[in-house]
């Protein structure tokens, strides 16, 4: 297994800007992002920093703004590659796929923001490209949302996305579990949509 760690959009916009992360507590996710980067560097796993960009007139991620800048947790650490993107998936309109292929990387590890947007989009895109995906549940995060379709708190939204990813697209694990897997070869939970739906049916029927 050849891994690369994707540190997605860990920018000031999500901490002190117009999109403040609500769950998990950003102090927790930022600390875990730092731990994951340090563990990856120690293990020789490439670290790819990803930065969302928007026009200077945008209310979020405006190029050159404080919100656009990488958070110090990332900017104060080394990385092997930097990608700027304008769409949710880190693969869309970037050189990520080629960069990974040139290095025979078959597994991407996802940390950063937001769970249901750029993180999930990248995870699904990677799975569709034949890559394995590991998704760090406590080194990612999101915020509450409300629109024409409904309203959902940050914790429920985060948890729902993690469950969907684990059912089909990614191995979802904590940062501590991932570091154990890197350092000791501990198995990671494999996605299994049949097992997930079976367990859901059992729980609904009171058999869980």
C-alpha atoms as a PDB file:
ATOM      1  CA  UNK A   1       0.000   0.000   0.000  1.00  0.00           C
ATOM      2  CA  UNK A   2       1.365   3.381  -1.043  1.00  0.00           C
ATOM      3  CA  UNK A   3      -0.385   6.238   0.711  1.00  0.00           C
ATOM      4  CA  UNK A   4      -0.544  10.001   0.229  1.00  0.00           C
ATOM      5  CA  UNK A   5      -2.121  12.358   2.765  1.00  0.00           C
ATOM      6  CA  UNK A   6      -4.432  15.013   1.320  1.00  0.00           C
ATOM      7  CA  UNK A   7      -4.791  17.996   3.652  1.00  0.00           C
ATOM      8  CA  UNK A   8      -7.813  19.652   2.110  1.00  0.00           C
ATOM      9  CA  UNK A   9      -8.613  23.361   2.452  1.00  0.00           C
ATOM     10  CA  UNK A  10      -7.259  23.870   5.964  1.00  0.00           C
ATOM     11  CA  UNK A  11      -7.569  27.607   5.499  1.00  0.00           C
ATOM     12  CA  UNK A  12      -8.352  30.501   7.811  1.00  0.00           C
ATOM     13  CA  UNK A  13     -11.829  30.812   6.254  1.00  0.00           C
ATOM     14  CA  UNK A  14     -12.887  27.738   8.250  1.00  0.00           C
ATOM     15  CA  UNK A  15     -11.441  28.918  11.559  1.00  0.00           C
ATOM     16  CA  UNK A  16     -11.655  32.710  11.802  1.00  0.00           C
ATOM     17  CA  UNK A  17     -13.478  33.541   8.575  1.00  0.00           C
ATOM     18  CA  UNK A  18     -16.971  33.234   7.143  1.00  0.00           C
ATOM     19  CA  UNK A  19     -17.266  29.418   7.330  1.00  0.00           C
ATOM     20  CA  UNK A  20     -16.438  28.533  10.960  1.00  0.00           C
ATOM     21  CA  UNK A  21     -16.302  24.769  11.498  1.00  0.00           C
ATOM     22  CA  UNK A  22     -18.806  23.602  14.103  1.00  0.00           C
ATOM     23  CA  UNK A  23     -18.098  19.881  14.565  1.00  0.00           C
ATOM     24  CA  UNK A  24     -15.803  18.395  15.615  1.00  0.00           C
ATOM     25  CA  UNK A  25     -14.443  21.323  17.617  1.00  0.00           C
ATOM     26  CA  UNK A  26     -11.888  22.915  15.279  1.00  0.00           C
ATOM     27  CA  UNK A  27      -9.278  22.834  18.027  1.00  0.00           C
ATOM     28  CA  UNK A  28      -9.643  19.048  17.978  1.00  0.00           C
ATOM     29  CA  UNK A  29      -9.590  18.669  14.209  1.00  0.00           C
ATOM     30  CA  UNK A  30      -6.672  21.089  13.778  1.00  0.00           C
ATOM     31  CA  UNK A  31      -4.631  19.221  16.393  1.00  0.00           C
ATOM     32  CA  UNK A  32      -5.363  15.935  14.638  1.00  0.00           C
ATOM     33  CA  UNK A  33      -4.494  17.377  11.233  1.00  0.00           C
ATOM     34  CA  UNK A  34      -1.124  18.351  12.651  1.00  0.00           C
ATOM     35  CA  UNK A  35      -0.639  14.882  14.139  1.00  0.00           C
ATOM     36  CA  UNK A  36      -1.535  13.232  10.837  1.00  0.00           C
ATOM     37  CA  UNK A  37       0.905  15.444   8.926  1.00  0.00           C
ATOM     38  CA  UNK A  38       3.687  14.734  11.412  1.00  0.00           C
ATOM     39  CA  UNK A  39       3.029  10.982  11.314  1.00  0.00           C
ATOM     40  CA  UNK A  40       2.952  10.998   7.521  1.00  0.00           C
ATOM     41  CA  UNK A  41       6.237  12.881   7.297  1.00  0.00           C
ATOM     42  CA  UNK A  42       7.853  10.524   9.801  1.00  0.00           C
ATOM     43  CA  UNK A  43       6.662   7.510   7.797  1.00  0.00           C
ATOM     44  CA  UNK A  44       7.744   8.918   4.435  1.00  0.00           C
ATOM     45  CA  UNK A  45       4.150   9.348   3.255  1.00  0.00           C
ATOM     46  CA  UNK A  46       3.801  12.297   0.840  1.00  0.00           C
ATOM     47  CA  UNK A  47       1.726  15.203   2.130  1.00  0.00           C
ATOM     48  CA  UNK A  48      -0.334  17.201  -0.376  1.00  0.00           C
ATOM     49  CA  UNK A  49      -1.706  20.539   0.787  1.00  0.00           C
ATOM     50  CA  UNK A  50      -4.832  21.678  -1.019  1.00  0.00           C
ATOM     51  CA  UNK A  51      -6.104  25.251  -1.142  1.00  0.00           C
ATOM     52  CA  UNK A  52      -9.526  26.427  -2.331  1.00  0.00           C
ATOM     53  CA  UNK A  53      -9.385  29.634  -4.337  1.00  0.00           C
ATOM     54  CA  UNK A  54     -11.996  32.107  -5.532  1.00  0.00           C
ATOM     55  CA  UNK A  55     -11.968  35.529  -7.253  1.00  0.00           C
ATOM     56  CA  UNK A  56     -10.950  38.551  -5.199  1.00  0.00           C
ATOM     57  CA  UNK A  57     -14.597  39.679  -5.047  1.00  0.00           C
ATOM     58  CA  UNK A  58     -15.831  36.406  -3.498  1.00  0.00           C
ATOM     59  CA  UNK A  59     -17.149  36.452   0.092  1.00  0.00           C
ATOM     60  CA  UNK A  60     -15.169  33.279   0.790  1.00  0.00           C
ATOM     61  CA  UNK A  61     -11.674  32.103  -0.193  1.00  0.00           C
ATOM     62  CA  UNK A  62     -10.954  35.326  -2.075  1.00  0.00           C
ATOM     63  CA  UNK A  63      -7.439  35.070  -3.446  1.00  0.00           C
ATOM     64  CA  UNK A  64      -5.032  37.135  -1.384  1.00  0.00           C
ATOM     65  CA  UNK A  65      -7.389  37.425   1.592  1.00  0.00           C
ATOM     66  CA  UNK A  66      -6.799  36.227   5.148  1.00  0.00           C
ATOM     67  CA  UNK A  67      -9.462  33.565   4.657  1.00  0.00           C
ATOM     68  CA  UNK A  68      -7.688  32.212   1.588  1.00  0.00           C
ATOM     69  CA  UNK A  69      -4.409  31.663   3.435  1.00  0.00           C
ATOM     70  CA  UNK A  70      -3.514  28.235   4.761  1.00  0.00           C
ATOM     71  CA  UNK A  71      -3.937  27.897   8.519  1.00  0.00           C
ATOM     72  CA  UNK A  72      -0.635  27.874  10.448  1.00  0.00           C
ATOM     73  CA  UNK A  73      -1.170  24.211  11.391  1.00  0.00           C
ATOM     74  CA  UNK A  74      -0.489  23.488   7.720  1.00  0.00           C
ATOM     75  CA  UNK A  75       1.645  26.438   6.626  1.00  0.00           C
ATOM     76  CA  UNK A  76       4.129  25.861   9.459  1.00  0.00           C
ATOM     77  CA  UNK A  77       4.654  22.247   8.389  1.00  0.00           C
ATOM     78  CA  UNK A  78       6.328  20.886   5.292  1.00  0.00           C
ATOM     79  CA  UNK A  79       4.417  19.372   2.392  1.00  0.00           C
ATOM     80  CA  UNK A  80       5.449  17.651  -0.820  1.00  0.00           C
ATOM     81  CA  UNK A  81       2.972  19.248  -3.197  1.00  0.00           C
ATOM     82  CA  UNK A  82       0.541  22.177  -3.206  1.00  0.00           C
ATOM     83  CA  UNK A  83      -2.673  22.188  -5.218  1.00  0.00           C
ATOM     84  CA  UNK A  84      -5.033  25.090  -5.809  1.00  0.00           C
ATOM     85  CA  UNK A  85      -8.563  24.206  -6.861  1.00  0.00           C
ATOM     86  CA  UNK A  86     -11.835  25.914  -7.695  1.00  0.00           C
ATOM     87  CA  UNK A  87     -14.174  22.895  -7.506  1.00  0.00           C
ATOM     88  CA  UNK A  88     -14.947  20.525  -4.620  1.00  0.00           C
ATOM     89  CA  UNK A  89     -12.976  17.470  -5.760  1.00  0.00           C
ATOM     90  CA  UNK A  90      -9.223  17.770  -5.468  1.00  0.00           C
ATOM     91  CA  UNK A  91      -9.010  15.912  -8.784  1.00  0.00           C
ATOM     92  CA  UNK A  92     -11.114  18.414 -10.762  1.00  0.00           C
ATOM     93  CA  UNK A  93      -8.961  20.714 -12.860  1.00  0.00           C
ATOM     94  CA  UNK A  94      -5.721  19.837 -11.034  1.00  0.00           C
ATOM     95  CA  UNK A  95      -2.685  17.630 -11.560  1.00  0.00           C
ATOM     96  CA  UNK A  96      -3.500  15.388  -8.584  1.00  0.00           C
ATOM     97  CA  UNK A  97      -4.297  12.220 -10.548  1.00  0.00           C
ATOM     98  CA  UNK A  98      -1.075  12.457 -12.548  1.00  0.00           C
ATOM     99  CA  UNK A  99       0.990  13.292  -9.464  1.00  0.00           C
ATOM    100  CA  UNK A 100      -0.300  10.217  -7.646  1.00  0.00           C
ATOM    101  CA  UNK A 101       0.115   7.935 -10.671  1.00  0.00           C
ATOM    102  CA  UNK A 102       3.717   9.023 -11.205  1.00  0.00           C
ATOM    103  CA  UNK A 103       4.499   7.867  -7.667  1.00  0.00           C
ATOM    104  CA  UNK A 104       2.479   4.630  -7.797  1.00  0.00           C
ATOM    105  CA  UNK A 105       0.226   5.841  -4.976  1.00  0.00           C
ATOM    106  CA  UNK A 106      -2.857   3.675  -4.595  1.00  0.00           C
ATOM    107  CA  UNK A 107      -4.364   5.051  -1.365  1.00  0.00           C
ATOM    108  CA  UNK A 108      -5.357   8.601  -0.473  1.00  0.00           C
ATOM    109  CA  UNK A 109      -5.878   9.697   3.112  1.00  0.00           C
ATOM    110  CA  UNK A 110      -8.285  12.573   3.614  1.00  0.00           C
ATOM    111  CA  UNK A 111      -8.090  15.263   6.284  1.00  0.00           C
ATOM    112  CA  UNK A 112      -9.387  18.822   6.255  1.00  0.00           C
ATOM    113  CA  UNK A 113     -12.632  20.590   5.439  1.00  0.00           C
ATOM    114  CA  UNK A 114     -15.574  20.344   4.822  1.00  0.00           C
ATOM    115  CA  UNK A 115     -16.711  16.794   5.472  1.00  0.00           C
ATOM    116  CA  UNK A 116     -19.660  16.762   3.076  1.00  0.00           C
ATOM    117  CA  UNK A 117     -18.233  19.040   0.425  1.00  0.00           C
ATOM    118  CA  UNK A 118     -14.609  18.887  -0.720  1.00  0.00           C
ATOM    119  CA  UNK A 119     -13.712  15.929   1.511  1.00  0.00           C
ATOM    120  CA  UNK A 120     -16.599  13.728   0.402  1.00  0.00           C
ATOM    121  CA  UNK A 121     -16.312  14.818  -3.236  1.00  0.00           C
ATOM    122  CA  UNK A 122     -12.634  13.898  -3.266  1.00  0.00           C
ATOM    123  CA  UNK A 123     -13.274  10.576  -1.536  1.00  0.00           C
ATOM    124  CA  UNK A 124     -15.943   9.548  -4.037  1.00  0.00           C
ATOM    125  CA  UNK A 125     -13.859  10.743  -6.974  1.00  0.00           C
ATOM    126  CA  UNK A 126     -10.851   8.783  -5.729  1.00  0.00           C
ATOM    127  CA  UNK A 127     -12.916   5.621  -5.270  1.00  0.00           C
ATOM    128  CA  UNK A 128     -14.316   5.947  -8.779  1.00  0.00           C
ATOM    129  CA  UNK A 129     -10.748   6.212 -10.062  1.00  0.00           C
ATOM    130  CA  UNK A 130      -9.837   2.911  -8.442  1.00  0.00           C
ATOM    131  CA  UNK A 131      -7.959   4.330  -5.462  1.00  0.00           C
ATOM    132  CA  UNK A 132      -8.401   3.201  -1.875  1.00  0.00           C
ATOM    133  CA  UNK A 133      -9.546   5.920   0.500  1.00  0.00           C
ATOM    134  CA  UNK A 134      -8.902   6.423   4.210  1.00  0.00           C
ATOM    135  CA  UNK A 135     -10.963   9.188   5.816  1.00  0.00           C
ATOM    136  CA  UNK A 136      -9.940  10.671   9.183  1.00  0.00           C
ATOM    137  CA  UNK A 137     -13.140  11.245  11.136  1.00  0.00           C
ATOM    138  CA  UNK A 138     -11.665  13.597  13.750  1.00  0.00           C
ATOM    139  CA  UNK A 139      -9.308  15.465  11.401  1.00  0.00           C
ATOM    140  CA  UNK A 140     -12.209  16.612   9.222  1.00  0.00           C
ATOM    141  CA  UNK A 141     -15.243  18.727  10.074  1.00  0.00           C
ATOM    142  CA  UNK A 142     -18.230  20.756   8.958  1.00  0.00           C
ATOM    143  CA  UNK A 143     -20.812  23.305  10.051  1.00  0.00           C
ATOM    144  CA  UNK A 144     -24.583  23.539  10.329  1.00  0.00           C
ATOM    145  CA  UNK A 145     -26.487  24.038   7.101  1.00  0.00           C
ATOM    146  CA  UNK A 146     -29.991  25.203   6.207  1.00  0.00           C
ATOM    147  CA  UNK A 147     -31.518  25.669   2.778  1.00  0.00           C
ATOM    148  CA  UNK A 148     -34.609  24.885   0.684  1.00  0.00           C
ATOM    149  CA  UNK A 149     -34.072  21.149   1.243  1.00  0.00           C
ATOM    150  CA  UNK A 150     -33.985  21.340   5.045  1.00  0.00           C
ATOM    151  CA  UNK A 151     -31.792  22.024   8.070  1.00  0.00           C
ATOM    152  CA  UNK A 152     -29.116  19.899   9.705  1.00  0.00           C
ATOM    153  CA  UNK A 153     -26.727  20.492  12.581  1.00  0.00           C
ATOM    154  CA  UNK A 154     -22.986  20.083  12.113  1.00  0.00           C
ATOM    155  CA  UNK A 155     -22.656  16.886  14.167  1.00  0.00           C
ATOM    156  CA  UNK A 156     -25.517  15.078  12.425  1.00  0.00           C
ATOM    157  CA  UNK A 157     -24.277  16.133   9.007  1.00  0.00           C
ATOM    158  CA  UNK A 158     -20.713  15.031   9.788  1.00  0.00           C
ATOM    159  CA  UNK A 159     -21.849  11.667  11.165  1.00  0.00           C
ATOM    160  CA  UNK A 160     -24.208  10.961   8.271  1.00  0.00           C
ATOM    161  CA  UNK A 161     -21.452  11.552   5.715  1.00  0.00           C
ATOM    162  CA  UNK A 162     -19.009   9.345   7.622  1.00  0.00           C
ATOM    163  CA  UNK A 163     -21.550   6.515   7.655  1.00  0.00           C
ATOM    164  CA  UNK A 164     -22.219   6.808   3.931  1.00  0.00           C
ATOM    165  CA  UNK A 165     -18.510   6.836   3.123  1.00  0.00           C
ATOM    166  CA  UNK A 166     -17.816   3.819   5.334  1.00  0.00           C
ATOM    167  CA  UNK A 167     -20.621   1.916   3.656  1.00  0.00           C
ATOM    168  CA  UNK A 168     -19.082   2.113   0.194  1.00  0.00           C
ATOM    169  CA  UNK A 169     -16.334   4.622  -0.519  1.00  0.00           C
ATOM    170  CA  UNK A 170     -13.776   4.807   2.285  1.00  0.00           C
ATOM    171  CA  UNK A 171     -12.283   3.332   5.405  1.00  0.00           C
ATOM    172  CA  UNK A 172     -13.339   5.768   8.125  1.00  0.00           C
ATOM    173  CA  UNK A 173     -11.107   5.883  11.187  1.00  0.00           C
ATOM    174  CA  UNK A 174      -9.813   8.262  13.820  1.00  0.00           C
ATOM    175  CA  UNK A 175      -6.431   9.898  13.515  1.00  0.00           C
ATOM    176  CA  UNK A 176      -5.117   7.692  16.317  1.00  0.00           C
ATOM    177  CA  UNK A 177      -6.344   4.552  14.564  1.00  0.00           C
ATOM    178  CA  UNK A 178      -4.757   5.727  11.326  1.00  0.00           C
ATOM    179  CA  UNK A 179      -1.407   6.405  12.970  1.00  0.00           C
ATOM    180  CA  UNK A 180      -1.522   2.883  14.461  1.00  0.00           C
ATOM    181  CA  UNK A 181      -2.209   1.499  10.995  1.00  0.00           C
ATOM    182  CA  UNK A 182       0.745   3.415   9.570  1.00  0.00           C
ATOM    183  CA  UNK A 183       3.156   2.524  12.359  1.00  0.00           C
ATOM    184  CA  UNK A 184       2.069  -1.035  13.132  1.00  0.00           C
ATOM    185  CA  UNK A 185       0.090  -2.233  10.127  1.00  0.00           C
ATOM    186  CA  UNK A 186      -3.165  -2.348  12.108  1.00  0.00           C
ATOM    187  CA  UNK A 187      -6.043  -3.255   9.756  1.00  0.00           C
ATOM    188  CA  UNK A 188      -8.439  -0.476   8.795  1.00  0.00           C
ATOM    189  CA  UNK A 189     -12.240  -0.973   8.574  1.00  0.00           C
ATOM    190  CA  UNK A 190     -13.146  -1.967   5.035  1.00  0.00           C
ATOM    191  CA  UNK A 191     -16.235  -0.395   3.434  1.00  0.00           C
ATOM    192  CA  UNK A 192     -19.064  -2.884   2.947  1.00  0.00           C
ATOM    193  CA  UNK A 193     -22.431  -1.654   1.751  1.00  0.00           C
ATOM    194  CA  UNK A 194     -24.205  -4.986   2.290  1.00  0.00           C
ATOM    195  CA  UNK A 195     -22.970  -5.318   5.861  1.00  0.00           C
ATOM    196  CA  UNK A 196     -23.901  -1.692   6.556  1.00  0.00           C
ATOM    197  CA  UNK A 197     -27.424  -2.057   5.202  1.00  0.00           C
ATOM    198  CA  UNK A 198     -27.917  -5.416   6.938  1.00  0.00           C
ATOM    199  CA  UNK A 199     -26.882  -3.928  10.257  1.00  0.00           C
ATOM    200  CA  UNK A 200     -29.231  -1.016   9.618  1.00  0.00           C
ATOM    201  CA  UNK A 201     -32.148  -3.359   8.957  1.00  0.00           C
ATOM    202  CA  UNK A 202     -31.353  -5.342  12.082  1.00  0.00           C
ATOM    203  CA  UNK A 203     -31.223  -2.167  14.168  1.00  0.00           C
ATOM    204  CA  UNK A 204     -34.542  -0.945  12.723  1.00  0.00           C
ATOM    205  CA  UNK A 205     -36.118  -4.294  13.548  1.00  0.00           C
ATOM    206  CA  UNK A 206     -34.775  -4.246  17.101  1.00  0.00           C
ATOM    207  CA  UNK A 207     -32.314  -7.055  16.456  1.00  0.00           C
ATOM    208  CA  UNK A 208     -29.176  -4.899  16.827  1.00  0.00           C
END
